[in-house]
Amino acid sequence: MSIFEYNGSALIAMVGKNCFAIASDRRLGVQLQTIATDFQRIHRVHDGLFIGLSGFRGFCFGTSCTSFPVIAGLGDEGKPFFCTMDSTGANQDFVVAGTASESLYGACEAMFKSEMELEPEEFFEIVSQALLSSDDQDCLSGWGGHVYVV
């Protein structure tokens, strides 16, 4: 098992019309053992900028983090953006990270519609359903989720 799979995780950032969403699962585990079911992976930097951290928890405390972060925010003119560090590049509409990333890609591709012009409640529902359906297929993540729509 890779050190990035040791704790398990599921992260999504998705862009909507003049808004963005960032979501993560709530499970903290040590391999297949669940330690906590209310773990916070997403951290608010300020009102328009959030960072989600996946991977080994020990790397994400203190000043250095070597897991693959997902950063989502609003730019200078209120335009939503996101970025992540991975070896495959990023989709222009959403990014995913964590052990559930394979199923997250499929769920996001199926539920996301290009140039979505949805109200925040509908956008929240799409991101939530993508996260929850992916968590069901990854035993290292789950227990619901935290979803932020900005």
N, C-alpha and C. Protein backbone atom coordinates (compact mmCIF):
# COMPACT_ATOMS: atom_id res chain seq x y z
N MET A 1 0.84 -1.18 0.00
CA MET A 1 0.00 0.00 0.00
C MET A 1 0.88 1.24 0.00
N SER A 2 0.59 2.18 -0.86
CA SER A 2 1.32 3.44 -0.93
C SER A 2 1.04 4.29 0.30
N ILE A 3 1.99 5.12 0.69
CA ILE A 3 1.80 6.01 1.83
C ILE A 3 0.66 6.99 1.57
N PHE A 4 0.36 7.30 0.30
CA PHE A 4 -0.74 8.19 -0.03
C PHE A 4 -2.09 7.51 0.11
N GLU A 5 -2.12 6.18 0.21
CA GLU A 5 -3.35 5.43 0.41
C GLU A 5 -3.54 5.04 1.86
N TYR A 6 -2.57 5.30 2.71
CA TYR A 6 -2.59 4.85 4.11
C TYR A 6 -3.82 5.36 4.85
N ASN A 7 -4.20 6.61 4.66
CA ASN A 7 -5.36 7.18 5.33
C ASN A 7 -6.61 7.23 4.47
N GLY A 8 -6.49 7.11 3.16
CA GLY A 8 -7.65 7.18 2.28
C GLY A 8 -8.23 8.58 2.22
N SER A 9 -8.91 8.92 1.10
CA SER A 9 -9.54 10.23 0.98
C SER A 9 -10.28 10.35 -0.34
N ALA A 10 -11.16 11.34 -0.39
CA ALA A 10 -11.88 11.68 -1.61
C ALA A 10 -12.05 13.19 -1.64
N LEU A 11 -11.58 13.86 -2.69
CA LEU A 11 -11.67 15.31 -2.83
C LEU A 11 -12.15 15.67 -4.22
N ILE A 12 -13.04 16.67 -4.31
CA ILE A 12 -13.52 17.20 -5.59
C ILE A 12 -13.49 18.73 -5.53
N ALA A 13 -13.11 19.36 -6.60
CA ALA A 13 -13.34 20.79 -6.81
C ALA A 13 -13.99 20.93 -8.18
N MET A 14 -15.08 21.69 -8.25
CA MET A 14 -15.84 21.81 -9.50
C MET A 14 -16.23 23.28 -9.70
N VAL A 15 -16.24 23.72 -10.94
CA VAL A 15 -16.56 25.09 -11.27
C VAL A 15 -17.97 25.17 -11.82
N GLY A 16 -18.74 26.13 -11.32
CA GLY A 16 -20.07 26.42 -11.82
C GLY A 16 -20.11 27.83 -12.39
N LYS A 17 -21.30 28.36 -12.56
CA LYS A 17 -21.44 29.72 -13.08
C LYS A 17 -21.18 30.71 -11.95
N ASN A 18 -20.07 31.43 -12.04
CA ASN A 18 -19.67 32.42 -11.03
C ASN A 18 -19.56 31.84 -9.63
N CYS A 19 -19.28 30.56 -9.53
CA CYS A 19 -19.11 29.93 -8.22
C CYS A 19 -18.23 28.68 -8.38
N PHE A 20 -17.84 28.14 -7.24
CA PHE A 20 -17.12 26.87 -7.24
C PHE A 20 -17.59 26.06 -6.05
N ALA A 21 -17.30 24.77 -6.11
CA ALA A 21 -17.58 23.88 -4.99
C ALA A 21 -16.34 23.07 -4.70
N ILE A 22 -16.10 22.81 -3.44
CA ILE A 22 -15.03 21.91 -3.03
C ILE A 22 -15.63 20.97 -1.99
N ALA A 23 -15.34 19.69 -2.12
CA ALA A 23 -15.96 18.69 -1.26
C ALA A 23 -14.96 17.60 -0.90
N SER A 24 -15.15 17.01 0.27
CA SER A 24 -14.30 15.89 0.70
C SER A 24 -15.12 14.93 1.55
N ASP A 25 -14.60 13.72 1.68
CA ASP A 25 -15.21 12.75 2.57
C ASP A 25 -14.86 13.10 4.01
N ARG A 26 -15.44 12.36 4.98
CA ARG A 26 -15.24 12.64 6.39
C ARG A 26 -14.47 11.56 7.13
N ARG A 27 -14.07 10.49 6.44
CA ARG A 27 -13.43 9.37 7.10
C ARG A 27 -11.93 9.60 7.30
N LEU A 28 -11.45 9.32 8.50
CA LEU A 28 -10.02 9.23 8.77
C LEU A 28 -9.76 7.80 9.17
N GLY A 29 -8.91 7.14 8.43
CA GLY A 29 -8.62 5.75 8.72
C GLY A 29 -7.14 5.47 8.71
N VAL A 30 -6.79 4.36 9.28
CA VAL A 30 -5.44 3.82 9.19
C VAL A 30 -5.61 2.52 8.42
N GLN A 31 -5.28 2.59 7.15
CA GLN A 31 -5.55 1.52 6.19
C GLN A 31 -7.04 1.19 6.24
N LEU A 32 -7.45 -0.01 6.61
CA LEU A 32 -8.86 -0.37 6.58
C LEU A 32 -9.59 -0.09 7.90
N GLN A 33 -8.90 0.39 8.91
CA GLN A 33 -9.51 0.68 10.21
C GLN A 33 -9.96 2.14 10.25
N THR A 34 -11.22 2.38 10.59
CA THR A 34 -11.74 3.74 10.70
C THR A 34 -11.42 4.29 12.08
N ILE A 35 -10.79 5.46 12.12
CA ILE A 35 -10.41 6.13 13.36
C ILE A 35 -11.43 7.20 13.73
N ALA A 36 -11.87 8.00 12.75
CA ALA A 36 -12.83 9.08 12.99
C ALA A 36 -13.76 9.21 11.80
N THR A 37 -14.96 9.69 12.05
CA THR A 37 -15.95 9.86 10.98
C THR A 37 -16.36 11.31 10.79
N ASP A 38 -15.58 12.23 11.35
CA ASP A 38 -15.88 13.65 11.20
C ASP A 38 -14.61 14.45 10.89
N PHE A 39 -13.71 13.84 10.15
CA PHE A 39 -12.41 14.45 9.86
C PHE A 39 -12.56 15.57 8.83
N GLN A 40 -11.88 16.68 9.04
CA GLN A 40 -11.94 17.84 8.15
C GLN A 40 -10.71 17.87 7.24
N ARG A 41 -10.90 17.67 5.93
CA ARG A 41 -9.81 17.72 4.96
C ARG A 41 -9.72 19.07 4.27
N ILE A 42 -10.81 19.84 4.31
CA ILE A 42 -10.87 21.12 3.61
C ILE A 42 -10.65 22.23 4.63
N HIS A 43 -9.76 23.15 4.27
CA HIS A 43 -9.44 24.26 5.17
C HIS A 43 -9.69 25.57 4.45
N ARG A 44 -10.35 26.50 5.15
CA ARG A 44 -10.66 27.82 4.61
C ARG A 44 -9.46 28.74 4.84
N VAL A 45 -8.89 29.26 3.75
CA VAL A 45 -7.81 30.23 3.85
C VAL A 45 -8.40 31.61 4.09
N HIS A 46 -9.41 31.99 3.30
CA HIS A 46 -10.24 33.17 3.52
C HIS A 46 -11.56 32.91 2.80
N ASP A 47 -12.46 33.88 2.79
CA ASP A 47 -13.81 33.65 2.27
C ASP A 47 -13.85 33.15 0.84
N GLY A 48 -12.85 33.48 0.04
CA GLY A 48 -12.86 33.08 -1.37
C GLY A 48 -11.80 32.07 -1.74
N LEU A 49 -11.16 31.40 -0.76
CA LEU A 49 -10.09 30.47 -1.06
C LEU A 49 -10.09 29.30 -0.08
N PHE A 50 -10.15 28.08 -0.62
CA PHE A 50 -10.16 26.87 0.19
C PHE A 50 -9.09 25.91 -0.32
N ILE A 51 -8.55 25.09 0.57
CA ILE A 51 -7.57 24.07 0.20
C ILE A 51 -8.01 22.74 0.79
N GLY A 52 -7.97 21.70 -0.01
CA GLY A 52 -8.28 20.35 0.44
C GLY A 52 -7.04 19.49 0.37
N LEU A 53 -6.77 18.73 1.42
CA LEU A 53 -5.55 17.92 1.50
C LEU A 53 -5.89 16.44 1.57
N SER A 54 -5.33 15.69 0.65
CA SER A 54 -5.50 14.24 0.65
C SER A 54 -4.17 13.60 1.02
N GLY A 55 -4.16 12.30 1.11
CA GLY A 55 -2.90 11.61 1.36
C GLY A 55 -2.63 11.35 2.83
N PHE A 56 -1.40 11.08 3.14
CA PHE A 56 -0.98 10.71 4.49
C PHE A 56 -1.10 11.90 5.43
N ARG A 57 -1.85 11.76 6.50
CA ARG A 57 -2.14 12.87 7.42
C ARG A 57 -0.88 13.43 8.07
N GLY A 58 0.10 12.62 8.36
CA GLY A 58 1.32 13.10 9.00
C GLY A 58 2.07 14.11 8.17
N PHE A 59 1.90 14.05 6.83
CA PHE A 59 2.57 15.01 5.96
C PHE A 59 1.87 16.37 5.96
N CYS A 60 0.64 16.43 6.41
CA CYS A 60 -0.16 17.65 6.28
C CYS A 60 -0.25 18.46 7.55
N PHE A 61 0.51 18.12 8.56
CA PHE A 61 0.54 18.90 9.78
C PHE A 61 1.88 19.60 9.84
N GLY A 62 1.89 20.84 10.20
CA GLY A 62 3.14 21.59 10.23
C GLY A 62 3.29 22.40 8.96
N THR A 63 4.52 22.65 8.57
CA THR A 63 4.77 23.57 7.45
C THR A 63 4.91 22.88 6.11
N SER A 64 5.14 21.58 6.06
CA SER A 64 5.30 20.94 4.76
C SER A 64 4.19 19.93 4.54
N CYS A 65 3.71 19.90 3.32
CA CYS A 65 2.66 18.95 2.95
C CYS A 65 3.07 18.32 1.63
N THR A 66 3.25 17.00 1.62
CA THR A 66 3.66 16.34 0.39
C THR A 66 2.53 15.55 -0.25
N SER A 67 1.29 15.66 0.28
CA SER A 67 0.16 15.01 -0.39
C SER A 67 -0.24 15.90 -1.57
N PHE A 68 -1.19 15.48 -2.42
CA PHE A 68 -1.64 16.25 -3.58
C PHE A 68 -2.75 17.19 -3.17
N PRO A 69 -2.49 18.53 -3.00
CA PRO A 69 -3.55 19.45 -2.56
C PRO A 69 -4.48 19.82 -3.71
N VAL A 70 -5.74 20.16 -3.35
CA VAL A 70 -6.72 20.71 -4.28
C VAL A 70 -7.04 22.10 -3.76
N ILE A 71 -6.81 23.10 -4.59
CA ILE A 71 -7.03 24.50 -4.21
C ILE A 71 -8.14 25.05 -5.08
N ALA A 72 -9.13 25.69 -4.45
CA ALA A 72 -10.25 26.27 -5.20
C ALA A 72 -10.54 27.65 -4.63
N GLY A 73 -10.87 28.59 -5.52
CA GLY A 73 -11.15 29.94 -5.05
C GLY A 73 -11.77 30.80 -6.12
N LEU A 74 -11.96 32.07 -5.75
CA LEU A 74 -12.46 33.07 -6.67
C LEU A 74 -11.33 34.04 -6.98
N GLY A 75 -11.13 34.32 -8.26
CA GLY A 75 -10.05 35.21 -8.69
C GLY A 75 -10.41 36.67 -8.52
N ASP A 76 -9.59 37.52 -9.11
CA ASP A 76 -9.74 38.97 -8.96
C ASP A 76 -11.10 39.49 -9.38
N GLU A 77 -11.63 39.01 -10.44
CA GLU A 77 -12.91 39.50 -10.95
C GLU A 77 -14.06 38.57 -10.60
N GLY A 78 -13.90 37.78 -9.57
CA GLY A 78 -14.94 36.86 -9.16
C GLY A 78 -15.02 35.61 -10.00
N LYS A 79 -14.02 35.37 -10.84
CA LYS A 79 -14.01 34.18 -11.69
C LYS A 79 -13.47 33.00 -10.89
N PRO A 80 -14.21 31.88 -10.86
CA PRO A 80 -13.76 30.71 -10.09
C PRO A 80 -12.56 30.03 -10.74
N PHE A 81 -11.69 29.46 -9.90
CA PHE A 81 -10.53 28.72 -10.39
C PHE A 81 -10.24 27.57 -9.43
N PHE A 82 -9.47 26.62 -9.90
CA PHE A 82 -8.96 25.56 -9.05
C PHE A 82 -7.67 25.04 -9.64
N CYS A 83 -6.90 24.38 -8.81
CA CYS A 83 -5.69 23.73 -9.29
C CYS A 83 -5.34 22.59 -8.35
N THR A 84 -4.55 21.68 -8.86
CA THR A 84 -4.08 20.55 -8.08
C THR A 84 -2.71 20.17 -8.61
N MET A 85 -2.00 19.39 -7.83
CA MET A 85 -0.69 18.90 -8.26
C MET A 85 -0.81 17.40 -8.49
N ASP A 86 -0.85 17.03 -9.75
CA ASP A 86 -0.83 15.61 -10.08
C ASP A 86 -0.05 15.44 -11.37
N SER A 87 0.20 14.20 -11.72
CA SER A 87 1.04 13.94 -12.89
C SER A 87 0.25 13.83 -14.19
N THR A 88 -1.08 13.94 -14.12
CA THR A 88 -1.89 13.75 -15.32
C THR A 88 -2.48 15.03 -15.87
N GLY A 89 -2.31 16.15 -15.20
CA GLY A 89 -2.94 17.38 -15.65
C GLY A 89 -4.33 17.49 -15.07
N ALA A 90 -5.05 18.52 -15.42
CA ALA A 90 -6.35 18.76 -14.81
C ALA A 90 -7.41 19.00 -15.88
N ASN A 91 -8.61 18.50 -15.61
CA ASN A 91 -9.76 18.81 -16.41
C ASN A 91 -10.09 20.28 -16.21
N GLN A 92 -10.68 20.95 -17.17
CA GLN A 92 -10.99 22.36 -17.03
C GLN A 92 -12.22 22.62 -16.18
N ASP A 93 -13.06 21.62 -15.96
CA ASP A 93 -14.30 21.82 -15.23
C ASP A 93 -14.27 21.29 -13.80
N PHE A 94 -13.44 20.30 -13.53
CA PHE A 94 -13.35 19.74 -12.19
C PHE A 94 -12.01 19.05 -12.01
N VAL A 95 -11.61 18.89 -10.75
CA VAL A 95 -10.43 18.11 -10.40
C VAL A 95 -10.80 17.20 -9.25
N VAL A 96 -10.10 16.09 -9.15
CA VAL A 96 -10.33 15.13 -8.07
C VAL A 96 -8.99 14.69 -7.51
N ALA A 97 -9.01 14.19 -6.28
CA ALA A 97 -7.79 13.68 -5.65
C ALA A 97 -8.19 12.66 -4.60
N GLY A 98 -7.21 11.85 -4.21
CA GLY A 98 -7.43 10.87 -3.15
C GLY A 98 -7.56 9.46 -3.67
N THR A 99 -7.78 8.53 -2.74
CA THR A 99 -7.89 7.12 -3.12
C THR A 99 -9.15 6.84 -3.93
N ALA A 100 -10.16 7.69 -3.81
CA ALA A 100 -11.41 7.50 -4.56
C ALA A 100 -11.38 8.21 -5.91
N SER A 101 -10.21 8.69 -6.34
CA SER A 101 -10.16 9.53 -7.54
C SER A 101 -10.66 8.82 -8.80
N GLU A 102 -10.41 7.53 -8.93
CA GLU A 102 -10.87 6.83 -10.14
C GLU A 102 -12.39 6.84 -10.24
N SER A 103 -13.08 6.53 -9.15
CA SER A 103 -14.55 6.56 -9.20
C SER A 103 -15.07 7.99 -9.21
N LEU A 104 -14.32 8.94 -8.63
CA LEU A 104 -14.73 10.35 -8.68
C LEU A 104 -14.71 10.87 -10.11
N TYR A 105 -13.70 10.49 -10.89
CA TYR A 105 -13.65 10.91 -12.29
C TYR A 105 -14.91 10.46 -13.03
N GLY A 106 -15.28 9.21 -12.85
CA GLY A 106 -16.46 8.70 -13.53
C GLY A 106 -17.74 9.39 -13.09
N ALA A 107 -17.90 9.59 -11.79
CA ALA A 107 -19.11 10.24 -11.27
C ALA A 107 -19.19 11.69 -11.73
N CYS A 108 -18.07 12.39 -11.69
CA CYS A 108 -18.07 13.80 -12.12
C CYS A 108 -18.33 13.92 -13.61
N GLU A 109 -17.73 13.04 -14.41
CA GLU A 109 -17.98 13.05 -15.86
C GLU A 109 -19.45 12.81 -16.16
N ALA A 110 -20.08 11.91 -15.41
CA ALA A 110 -21.47 11.58 -15.66
C ALA A 110 -22.43 12.69 -15.21
N MET A 111 -22.09 13.38 -14.11
CA MET A 111 -23.02 14.35 -13.54
C MET A 111 -22.76 15.79 -13.96
N PHE A 112 -21.53 16.10 -14.36
CA PHE A 112 -21.19 17.48 -14.72
C PHE A 112 -21.61 17.76 -16.14
N LYS A 113 -22.21 18.93 -16.34
CA LYS A 113 -22.56 19.38 -17.67
C LYS A 113 -21.76 20.65 -17.94
N SER A 114 -21.08 20.72 -19.06
CA SER A 114 -20.25 21.86 -19.39
C SER A 114 -21.07 23.15 -19.33
N GLU A 115 -20.43 24.20 -18.82
CA GLU A 115 -21.09 25.50 -18.69
C GLU A 115 -22.36 25.41 -17.84
N MET A 116 -22.28 24.66 -16.73
CA MET A 116 -23.44 24.55 -15.86
C MET A 116 -23.86 25.92 -15.35
N GLU A 117 -25.12 26.25 -15.52
CA GLU A 117 -25.65 27.50 -15.01
C GLU A 117 -26.73 27.17 -14.00
N LEU A 118 -26.30 26.60 -12.90
CA LEU A 118 -27.22 26.13 -11.88
C LEU A 118 -27.24 27.06 -10.68
N GLU A 119 -28.35 27.05 -10.00
CA GLU A 119 -28.43 27.74 -8.72
C GLU A 119 -27.55 26.99 -7.72
N PRO A 120 -27.07 27.67 -6.68
CA PRO A 120 -26.18 27.01 -5.71
C PRO A 120 -26.74 25.72 -5.12
N GLU A 121 -28.05 25.65 -4.89
CA GLU A 121 -28.65 24.44 -4.32
C GLU A 121 -28.52 23.25 -5.27
N GLU A 122 -28.75 23.50 -6.56
CA GLU A 122 -28.62 22.43 -7.56
C GLU A 122 -27.16 22.03 -7.74
N PHE A 123 -26.27 23.01 -7.72
CA PHE A 123 -24.84 22.74 -7.84
C PHE A 123 -24.36 21.92 -6.65
N PHE A 124 -24.82 22.27 -5.45
CA PHE A 124 -24.51 21.52 -4.23
C PHE A 124 -24.95 20.07 -4.38
N GLU A 125 -26.13 19.86 -4.92
CA GLU A 125 -26.67 18.50 -5.08
C GLU A 125 -25.81 17.67 -6.04
N ILE A 126 -25.36 18.23 -7.14
CA ILE A 126 -24.54 17.50 -8.10
C ILE A 126 -23.21 17.10 -7.49
N VAL A 127 -22.54 18.05 -6.82
CA VAL A 127 -21.25 17.75 -6.20
C VAL A 127 -21.41 16.72 -5.09
N SER A 128 -22.46 16.86 -4.29
CA SER A 128 -22.72 15.91 -3.19
C SER A 128 -22.96 14.50 -3.71
N GLN A 129 -23.77 14.39 -4.74
CA GLN A 129 -24.08 13.07 -5.29
C GLN A 129 -22.85 12.43 -5.93
N ALA A 130 -22.01 13.22 -6.59
CA ALA A 130 -20.77 12.67 -7.16
C ALA A 130 -19.87 12.14 -6.05
N LEU A 131 -19.74 12.91 -4.97
CA LEU A 131 -18.90 12.49 -3.84
C LEU A 131 -19.45 11.23 -3.18
N LEU A 132 -20.74 11.21 -2.88
CA LEU A 132 -21.32 10.07 -2.17
C LEU A 132 -21.32 8.80 -3.01
N SER A 133 -21.59 8.92 -4.31
CA SER A 133 -21.59 7.72 -5.14
C SER A 133 -20.18 7.15 -5.29
N SER A 134 -19.17 8.00 -5.26
CA SER A 134 -17.79 7.54 -5.34
C SER A 134 -17.31 6.93 -4.03
N ASP A 135 -17.74 7.51 -2.92
CA ASP A 135 -17.37 6.96 -1.61
C ASP A 135 -17.86 5.52 -1.45
N ASP A 136 -18.99 5.22 -2.06
CA ASP A 136 -19.54 3.87 -1.96
C ASP A 136 -18.65 2.83 -2.63
N GLN A 137 -17.77 3.26 -3.51
CA GLN A 137 -16.93 2.33 -4.25
C GLN A 137 -15.48 2.29 -3.77
N ASP A 138 -15.17 3.05 -2.72
CA ASP A 138 -13.81 3.10 -2.18
C ASP A 138 -13.88 2.85 -0.68
N CYS A 139 -13.33 1.72 -0.23
CA CYS A 139 -13.42 1.37 1.18
C CYS A 139 -12.50 2.21 2.06
N LEU A 140 -11.60 3.00 1.48
CA LEU A 140 -10.69 3.83 2.26
C LEU A 140 -11.21 5.25 2.46
N SER A 141 -12.38 5.58 1.91
CA SER A 141 -12.98 6.89 2.11
C SER A 141 -14.46 6.70 2.42
N GLY A 142 -15.11 7.77 2.81
CA GLY A 142 -16.54 7.67 3.06
C GLY A 142 -17.02 8.41 4.28
N TRP A 143 -18.11 7.91 4.84
CA TRP A 143 -18.78 8.48 6.01
C TRP A 143 -19.32 9.89 5.73
N GLY A 144 -19.96 10.05 4.58
CA GLY A 144 -20.55 11.33 4.25
C GLY A 144 -19.52 12.30 3.71
N GLY A 145 -19.82 13.58 3.78
CA GLY A 145 -18.89 14.55 3.23
C GLY A 145 -19.11 15.96 3.74
N HIS A 146 -18.11 16.77 3.48
CA HIS A 146 -18.16 18.21 3.70
C HIS A 146 -18.19 18.85 2.32
N VAL A 147 -19.17 19.71 2.05
CA VAL A 147 -19.29 20.36 0.76
C VAL A 147 -19.41 21.87 0.98
N TYR A 148 -18.59 22.63 0.28
CA TYR A 148 -18.63 24.09 0.34
C TYR A 148 -18.90 24.62 -1.06
N VAL A 149 -19.93 25.46 -1.19
CA VAL A 149 -20.24 26.13 -2.46
C VAL A 149 -20.04 27.62 -2.21
N VAL A 150 -19.15 28.23 -3.00
CA VAL A 150 -18.82 29.65 -2.82
C VAL A 150 -19.10 30.38 -4.12
